[in-house]
Amino acid sequence: MSTPPLQSLPHQQPYQPKQQSDWPAMMAGAALLFVGIVLGAALGGVAGFFAGQQYANWGYNWEPEATLSANAPAMVTVGEPFDVTLTLQDTSGAPRTVYSVDLYHDPSHLEFVSIDPPMDPGDPGEGYTELFCDERVEANGSFQATLTLRALRGGETSATLYAYSNEFGTAETRFSVQVTPADPPSGRPSF
């Protein structure tokens, strides 16, 4: 038994490829997508720029418009006060006002004693001392303050200092000191 050959049915035409190309429609869609991406990126960039300007006015500017340094002694003794000189140098060429100096430290290692020039203390926090001020720094000028701290236990300890200004944002520095134990009392213990 043999199978008859396949034949086209009379009402069906053999497949003919489409003569019209989809190329123009695909190109128009790709161009529209490209324009949408470019406009979205441009609008996002403009919005980001203005958002960055807003944050720059509130102390979140990442541009280095001021430098902060701390000069601390290499070695200090437990229980004895020591001074750390804080220097803020304007590098922007415009006058600035510092409104806060903050000290972050381990409260089991360091204790804040005072600052000169005097500043108004904020709410004390665990390992955080905020000092409010209104110190003017002239264009390319500097501002200095002396922090007096007390070491509470031996070993190496460090702290981070921040200075804040509406004009330049935040400047920070870190210092470390080696803390030696207090001298033991001389002589024999009494019983």
C-alpha atoms as a PDB file:
ATOM      1  CA  MET A   1       0.000   0.000   0.000  1.00  0.00           C
ATOM      2  CA  SER A   2       1.465   3.263  -1.007  1.00  0.00           C
ATOM      3  CA  THR A   3       0.619   6.760   0.143  1.00  0.00           C
ATOM      4  CA  PRO A   4      -0.536   9.237  -2.424  1.00  0.00           C
ATOM      5  CA  PRO A   5       1.713  12.308  -2.933  1.00  0.00           C
ATOM      6  CA  LEU A   6       0.807  15.454  -1.006  1.00  0.00           C
ATOM      7  CA  GLN A   7      -0.960  18.012  -3.046  1.00  0.00           C
ATOM      8  CA  SER A   8      -2.044  21.542  -2.298  1.00  0.00           C
ATOM      9  CA  LEU A   9      -5.649  21.950  -1.753  1.00  0.00           C
ATOM     10  CA  PRO A  10      -7.219  24.086  -4.426  1.00  0.00           C
ATOM     11  CA  HIS A  11      -8.188  26.929  -2.074  1.00  0.00           C
ATOM     12  CA  GLN A  12      -4.691  27.257  -0.451  1.00  0.00           C
ATOM     13  CA  GLN A  13      -1.895  29.227  -2.010  1.00  0.00           C
ATOM     14  CA  PRO A  14       1.724  28.294  -1.322  1.00  0.00           C
ATOM     15  CA  TYR A  15       3.479  30.525   1.273  1.00  0.00           C
ATOM     16  CA  GLN A  16       4.828  33.721  -0.193  1.00  0.00           C
ATOM     17  CA  PRO A  17       7.161  35.863   1.962  1.00  0.00           C
ATOM     18  CA  LYS A  18       5.856  39.332   2.745  1.00  0.00           C
ATOM     19  CA  GLN A  19       7.196  41.894   0.328  1.00  0.00           C
ATOM     20  CA  GLN A  20       6.874  44.896   2.662  1.00  0.00           C
ATOM     21  CA  SER A  21       9.727  45.254   5.218  1.00  0.00           C
ATOM     22  CA  ASP A  22       9.191  45.881   8.961  1.00  0.00           C
ATOM     23  CA  TRP A  23      12.517  47.725   9.069  1.00  0.00           C
ATOM     24  CA  PRO A  24      11.091  51.335   9.093  1.00  0.00           C
ATOM     25  CA  ALA A  25       8.703  50.535  11.955  1.00  0.00           C
ATOM     26  CA  MET A  26      11.514  48.914  14.002  1.00  0.00           C
ATOM     27  CA  MET A  27      13.793  51.908  13.412  1.00  0.00           C
ATOM     28  CA  ALA A  28      11.062  54.352  14.463  1.00  0.00           C
ATOM     29  CA  GLY A  29      10.490  52.348  17.675  1.00  0.00           C
ATOM     30  CA  ALA A  30      14.222  52.233  18.443  1.00  0.00           C
ATOM     31  CA  ALA A  31      14.549  55.998  17.834  1.00  0.00           C
ATOM     32  CA  LEU A  32      11.610  56.686  20.142  1.00  0.00           C
ATOM     33  CA  LEU A  33      13.143  54.498  22.849  1.00  0.00           C
ATOM     34  CA  PHE A  34      16.511  56.262  22.468  1.00  0.00           C
ATOM     35  CA  VAL A  35      14.921  59.732  22.747  1.00  0.00           C
ATOM     36  CA  GLY A  36      13.031  58.603  25.870  1.00  0.00           C
ATOM     37  CA  ILE A  37      16.217  57.346  27.501  1.00  0.00           C
ATOM     38  CA  VAL A  38      18.146  60.528  26.672  1.00  0.00           C
ATOM     39  CA  LEU A  39      15.359  62.802  27.944  1.00  0.00           C
ATOM     40  CA  GLY A  40      14.993  60.740  31.134  1.00  0.00           C
ATOM     41  CA  ALA A  41      18.725  60.918  31.818  1.00  0.00           C
ATOM     42  CA  ALA A  42      18.814  64.657  31.109  1.00  0.00           C
ATOM     43  CA  LEU A  43      15.865  65.403  33.375  1.00  0.00           C
ATOM     44  CA  GLY A  44      17.287  63.132  36.081  1.00  0.00           C
ATOM     45  CA  GLY A  45      20.646  64.895  35.834  1.00  0.00           C
ATOM     46  CA  VAL A  46      19.034  68.341  36.158  1.00  0.00           C
ATOM     47  CA  ALA A  47      16.953  67.168  39.131  1.00  0.00           C
ATOM     48  CA  GLY A  48      20.055  65.616  40.709  1.00  0.00           C
ATOM     49  CA  PHE A  49      22.010  68.821  40.216  1.00  0.00           C
ATOM     50  CA  PHE A  50      19.361  70.907  41.967  1.00  0.00           C
ATOM     51  CA  ALA A  51      18.968  68.325  44.718  1.00  0.00           C
ATOM     52  CA  GLY A  52      22.742  68.415  45.205  1.00  0.00           C
ATOM     53  CA  GLN A  53      22.630  72.202  45.470  1.00  0.00           C
ATOM     54  CA  GLN A  54      19.926  71.951  48.094  1.00  0.00           C
ATOM     55  CA  TYR A  55      21.938  69.467  50.138  1.00  0.00           C
ATOM     56  CA  ALA A  56      25.094  71.543  49.715  1.00  0.00           C
ATOM     57  CA  ASN A  57      23.321  74.350  51.541  1.00  0.00           C
ATOM     58  CA  TRP A  58      22.517  72.039  54.447  1.00  0.00           C
ATOM     59  CA  GLY A  59      25.956  70.578  55.111  1.00  0.00           C
ATOM     60  CA  TYR A  60      26.116  67.586  52.752  1.00  0.00           C
ATOM     61  CA  ASN A  61      28.456  68.940  50.098  1.00  0.00           C
ATOM     62  CA  TRP A  62      31.180  66.459  49.172  1.00  0.00           C
ATOM     63  CA  GLU A  63      33.437  69.028  47.521  1.00  0.00           C
ATOM     64  CA  PRO A  64      36.544  69.778  49.603  1.00  0.00           C
ATOM     65  CA  GLU A  65      36.015  73.479  50.332  1.00  0.00           C
ATOM     66  CA  ALA A  66      37.660  73.311  53.749  1.00  0.00           C
ATOM     67  CA  THR A  67      40.155  71.072  55.505  1.00  0.00           C
ATOM     68  CA  LEU A  68      40.147  70.100  59.129  1.00  0.00           C
ATOM     69  CA  SER A  69      43.188  68.952  61.084  1.00  0.00           C
ATOM     70  CA  ALA A  70      43.820  67.968  64.687  1.00  0.00           C
ATOM     71  CA  ASN A  71      47.101  68.255  66.546  1.00  0.00           C
ATOM     72  CA  ALA A  72      47.124  65.906  69.548  1.00  0.00           C
ATOM     73  CA  PRO A  73      49.984  64.721  71.749  1.00  0.00           C
ATOM     74  CA  ALA A  74      51.323  61.282  70.906  1.00  0.00           C
ATOM     75  CA  MET A  75      51.215  60.122  74.546  1.00  0.00           C
ATOM     76  CA  VAL A  76      48.963  61.106  77.430  1.00  0.00           C
ATOM     77  CA  THR A  77      48.432  59.814  80.970  1.00  0.00           C
ATOM     78  CA  VAL A  78      45.239  58.334  82.366  1.00  0.00           C
ATOM     79  CA  GLY A  79      43.274  60.931  84.367  1.00  0.00           C
ATOM     80  CA  GLU A  80      45.278  63.959  83.225  1.00  0.00           C
ATOM     81  CA  PRO A  81      43.695  66.517  80.876  1.00  0.00           C
ATOM     82  CA  PHE A  82      45.332  67.048  77.488  1.00  0.00           C
ATOM     83  CA  ASP A  83      44.726  69.489  74.647  1.00  0.00           C
ATOM     84  CA  VAL A  84      43.903  68.812  71.009  1.00  0.00           C
ATOM     85  CA  THR A  85      44.222  71.793  68.666  1.00  0.00           C
ATOM     86  CA  LEU A  86      41.618  71.795  65.912  1.00  0.00           C
ATOM     87  CA  THR A  87      42.344  73.875  62.781  1.00  0.00           C
ATOM     88  CA  LEU A  88      39.807  74.519  60.036  1.00  0.00           C
ATOM     89  CA  GLN A  89      41.318  75.964  56.840  1.00  0.00           C
ATOM     90  CA  ASP A  90      39.006  77.440  54.168  1.00  0.00           C
ATOM     91  CA  THR A  91      40.127  76.446  50.661  1.00  0.00           C
ATOM     92  CA  SER A  92      37.186  77.853  48.681  1.00  0.00           C
ATOM     93  CA  GLY A  93      38.211  81.486  48.567  1.00  0.00           C
ATOM     94  CA  ALA A  94      34.921  82.592  50.128  1.00  0.00           C
ATOM     95  CA  PRO A  95      34.115  83.532  53.717  1.00  0.00           C
ATOM     96  CA  ARG A  96      32.419  80.814  55.802  1.00  0.00           C
ATOM     97  CA  THR A  97      30.657  80.431  59.128  1.00  0.00           C
ATOM     98  CA  VAL A  98      31.223  77.326  61.230  1.00  0.00           C
ATOM     99  CA  TYR A  99      28.102  76.485  63.216  1.00  0.00           C
ATOM    100  CA  SER A 100      29.061  73.225  64.925  1.00  0.00           C
ATOM    101  CA  VAL A 101      32.068  71.174  66.006  1.00  0.00           C
ATOM    102  CA  ASP A 102      31.345  67.553  66.891  1.00  0.00           C
ATOM    103  CA  LEU A 103      33.537  65.035  68.697  1.00  0.00           C
ATOM    104  CA  TYR A 104      32.843  61.305  68.342  1.00  0.00           C
ATOM    105  CA  HIS A 105      34.738  59.129  70.814  1.00  0.00           C
ATOM    106  CA  ASP A 106      34.510  55.999  72.940  1.00  0.00           C
ATOM    107  CA  PRO A 107      33.111  57.271  76.268  1.00  0.00           C
ATOM    108  CA  SER A 108      34.948  54.539  78.156  1.00  0.00           C
ATOM    109  CA  HIS A 109      38.268  55.919  76.829  1.00  0.00           C
ATOM    110  CA  LEU A 110      37.868  59.701  76.516  1.00  0.00           C
ATOM    111  CA  GLU A 111      35.989  62.414  78.355  1.00  0.00           C
ATOM    112  CA  PHE A 112      35.276  65.897  77.001  1.00  0.00           C
ATOM    113  CA  VAL A 113      36.373  68.604  79.477  1.00  0.00           C
ATOM    114  CA  SER A 114      36.165  71.963  77.652  1.00  0.00           C
ATOM    115  CA  ILE A 115      36.789  73.916  74.443  1.00  0.00           C
ATOM    116  CA  ASP A 116      38.393  77.307  73.859  1.00  0.00           C
ATOM    117  CA  PRO A 117      36.923  79.526  72.463  1.00  0.00           C
ATOM    118  CA  PRO A 118      33.846  78.579  74.492  1.00  0.00           C
ATOM    119  CA  MET A 119      30.973  76.990  72.565  1.00  0.00           C
ATOM    120  CA  ASP A 120      27.446  76.030  73.586  1.00  0.00           C
ATOM    121  CA  PRO A 121      27.104  72.299  74.234  1.00  0.00           C
ATOM    122  CA  GLY A 122      24.281  70.443  72.533  1.00  0.00           C
ATOM    123  CA  ASP A 123      22.445  67.463  73.957  1.00  0.00           C
ATOM    124  CA  PRO A 124      25.037  65.010  75.234  1.00  0.00           C
ATOM    125  CA  GLY A 125      25.052  61.614  73.598  1.00  0.00           C
ATOM    126  CA  GLU A 126      26.827  58.338  74.246  1.00  0.00           C
ATOM    127  CA  GLY A 127      30.268  58.931  72.714  1.00  0.00           C
ATOM    128  CA  TYR A 128      29.153  62.145  71.051  1.00  0.00           C
ATOM    129  CA  THR A 129      29.750  65.772  72.000  1.00  0.00           C
ATOM    130  CA  GLU A 130      28.195  68.502  69.875  1.00  0.00           C
ATOM    131  CA  LEU A 131      29.374  72.082  70.339  1.00  0.00           C
ATOM    132  CA  PHE A 132      27.464  74.945  68.735  1.00  0.00           C
ATOM    133  CA  CYS A 133      29.290  78.065  67.652  1.00  0.00           C
ATOM    134  CA  ASP A 134      29.092  80.954  65.235  1.00  0.00           C
ATOM    135  CA  GLU A 135      32.698  81.295  64.106  1.00  0.00           C
ATOM    136  CA  ARG A 136      33.447  83.325  60.985  1.00  0.00           C
ATOM    137  CA  VAL A 137      36.262  82.045  58.750  1.00  0.00           C
ATOM    138  CA  GLU A 138      37.464  84.583  56.197  1.00  0.00           C
ATOM    139  CA  ALA A 139      38.191  83.603  52.590  1.00  0.00           C
ATOM    140  CA  ASN A 140      41.257  81.318  52.604  1.00  0.00           C
ATOM    141  CA  GLY A 141      41.498  81.957  56.330  1.00  0.00           C
ATOM    142  CA  SER A 142      41.473  79.565  59.252  1.00  0.00           C
ATOM    143  CA  PHE A 143      39.794  78.999  62.598  1.00  0.00           C
ATOM    144  CA  GLN A 144      41.377  77.305  65.597  1.00  0.00           C
ATOM    145  CA  ALA A 145      39.879  75.812  68.725  1.00  0.00           C
ATOM    146  CA  THR A 146      41.479  73.897  71.569  1.00  0.00           C
ATOM    147  CA  LEU A 147      39.641  70.882  72.936  1.00  0.00           C
ATOM    148  CA  THR A 148      40.584  69.719  76.410  1.00  0.00           C
ATOM    149  CA  LEU A 149      39.994  65.997  76.915  1.00  0.00           C
ATOM    150  CA  ARG A 150      40.789  63.466  79.626  1.00  0.00           C
ATOM    151  CA  ALA A 151      41.877  59.874  79.000  1.00  0.00           C
ATOM    152  CA  LEU A 152      40.026  57.396  81.191  1.00  0.00           C
ATOM    153  CA  ARG A 153      41.983  54.175  80.566  1.00  0.00           C
ATOM    154  CA  GLY A 154      45.275  52.963  79.140  1.00  0.00           C
ATOM    155  CA  GLY A 155      45.957  51.803  75.600  1.00  0.00           C
ATOM    156  CA  GLU A 156      45.513  53.482  72.258  1.00  0.00           C
ATOM    157  CA  THR A 157      42.375  55.504  71.676  1.00  0.00           C
ATOM    158  CA  SER A 158      41.126  57.689  68.858  1.00  0.00           C
ATOM    159  CA  ALA A 159      38.352  60.152  68.088  1.00  0.00           C
ATOM    160  CA  THR A 160      36.818  61.783  65.039  1.00  0.00           C
ATOM    161  CA  LEU A 161      36.148  65.514  64.784  1.00  0.00           C
ATOM    162  CA  TYR A 162      33.686  67.160  62.413  1.00  0.00           C
ATOM    163  CA  ALA A 163      33.145  70.834  61.600  1.00  0.00           C
ATOM    164  CA  TYR A 164      29.908  71.897  59.918  1.00  0.00           C
ATOM    165  CA  SER A 165      29.045  74.956  57.868  1.00  0.00           C
ATOM    166  CA  ASN A 166      26.084  75.789  55.644  1.00  0.00           C
ATOM    167  CA  GLU A 167      28.532  77.067  53.040  1.00  0.00           C
ATOM    168  CA  PHE A 168      31.120  74.284  52.787  1.00  0.00           C
ATOM    169  CA  GLY A 169      29.298  71.312  54.234  1.00  0.00           C
ATOM    170  CA  THR A 170      31.256  68.970  56.449  1.00  0.00           C
ATOM    171  CA  ALA A 171      34.982  68.670  57.121  1.00  0.00           C
ATOM    172  CA  GLU A 172      36.379  65.853  59.240  1.00  0.00           C
ATOM    173  CA  THR A 173      39.592  64.572  60.752  1.00  0.00           C
ATOM    174  CA  ARG A 174      40.682  61.831  63.124  1.00  0.00           C
ATOM    175  CA  PHE A 175      43.352  61.686  65.817  1.00  0.00           C
ATOM    176  CA  SER A 176      44.832  58.956  68.002  1.00  0.00           C
ATOM    177  CA  VAL A 177      46.721  59.043  71.290  1.00  0.00           C
ATOM    178  CA  GLN A 178      48.584  56.420  73.260  1.00  0.00           C
ATOM    179  CA  VAL A 179      47.399  56.450  76.879  1.00  0.00           C
ATOM    180  CA  THR A 180      49.785  55.337  79.618  1.00  0.00           C
ATOM    181  CA  PRO A 181      48.650  54.377  83.114  1.00  0.00           C
ATOM    182  CA  ALA A 182      49.012  56.929  85.888  1.00  0.00           C
ATOM    183  CA  ASP A 183      52.230  56.656  87.906  1.00  0.00           C
ATOM    184  CA  PRO A 184      51.779  54.295  90.833  1.00  0.00           C
ATOM    185  CA  PRO A 185      52.183  55.887  94.264  1.00  0.00           C
ATOM    186  CA  SER A 186      55.752  55.652  95.501  1.00  0.00           C
ATOM    187  CA  GLY A 187      56.771  53.994  98.727  1.00  0.00           C
ATOM    188  CA  ARG A 188      55.334  51.049 100.516  1.00  0.00           C
ATOM    189  CA  PRO A 189      51.643  50.538 100.880  1.00  0.00           C
ATOM    190  CA  SER A 190      50.354  51.184 104.370  1.00  0.00           C
ATOM    191  CA  PHE A 191      48.294  48.580 106.199  1.00  0.00           C
END
